[in-house]
Amino acid sequence: MFRPFVTRCWHNSGREIVLLLLLEPCVRRQLPVALWNDQPYDNQAIFSGSATVVNGTGGLVYPGLCDTQNADGSQNNQCMSGRNLATAVPADPTDPLLKTWRKQGVIVPNSNGNQSHPYAKPDDGKDPSSAWQTAAGEWRFVTGGTPIMYGSMDFDNWYLLGLGFTTKMQSCGPCLSSG
């Protein structure tokens, strides 16, 4: 995780995540930065996202903050509203520490509001949940802020499903209707 106004970056590993979180920081295994904010769709910052096991390996969904204008003042076509949701996969799925990741690009452009995402508000499109898979094989995740749900059959191509939680739905992903 990279925070532009903090002098440290974190990328830790461990066999037991609960134990890892309880350990003192000096005991944790410190790894190099997993994702740099080096693409036009995340060139300002990469905020914490979520990890999901997909086909036996990891998959990340993360919010990337970006400049809406390029250095020359022209419109950054990969950043229309300042925030996108993007994915990354392990560069080497056989590495047990998952030290390096390969970005796959934007899956939800302009996640904090535009014409194709009518529910989103300016501060939305962040803190995506871990994805879960329905009985029909569809992957789903919901964003923080206004809970907007997205779906995918392959974890690569995502589409808007609508508001994430209604009075007919439970408050946890695996409990949601698979319909």
Foldseek 3Di string as FASTA:
>chain_A
DDDPVDPDAFQFDDPDVVVLVVDDPVPTDGAPHADDQDDQQAVPHKDDEDWDQDPNFIKTKTKGFHDQADPVRHGSPQAPQGIFIWMWTQPDRVPPSSRYIGTPGGQGHPQQDDDQQHVHHNVWDGHKYHWDAAPVQKIWIFTPDQTWMWIDNRVRHIHTPGGDDDPVADPDRVRGDRD
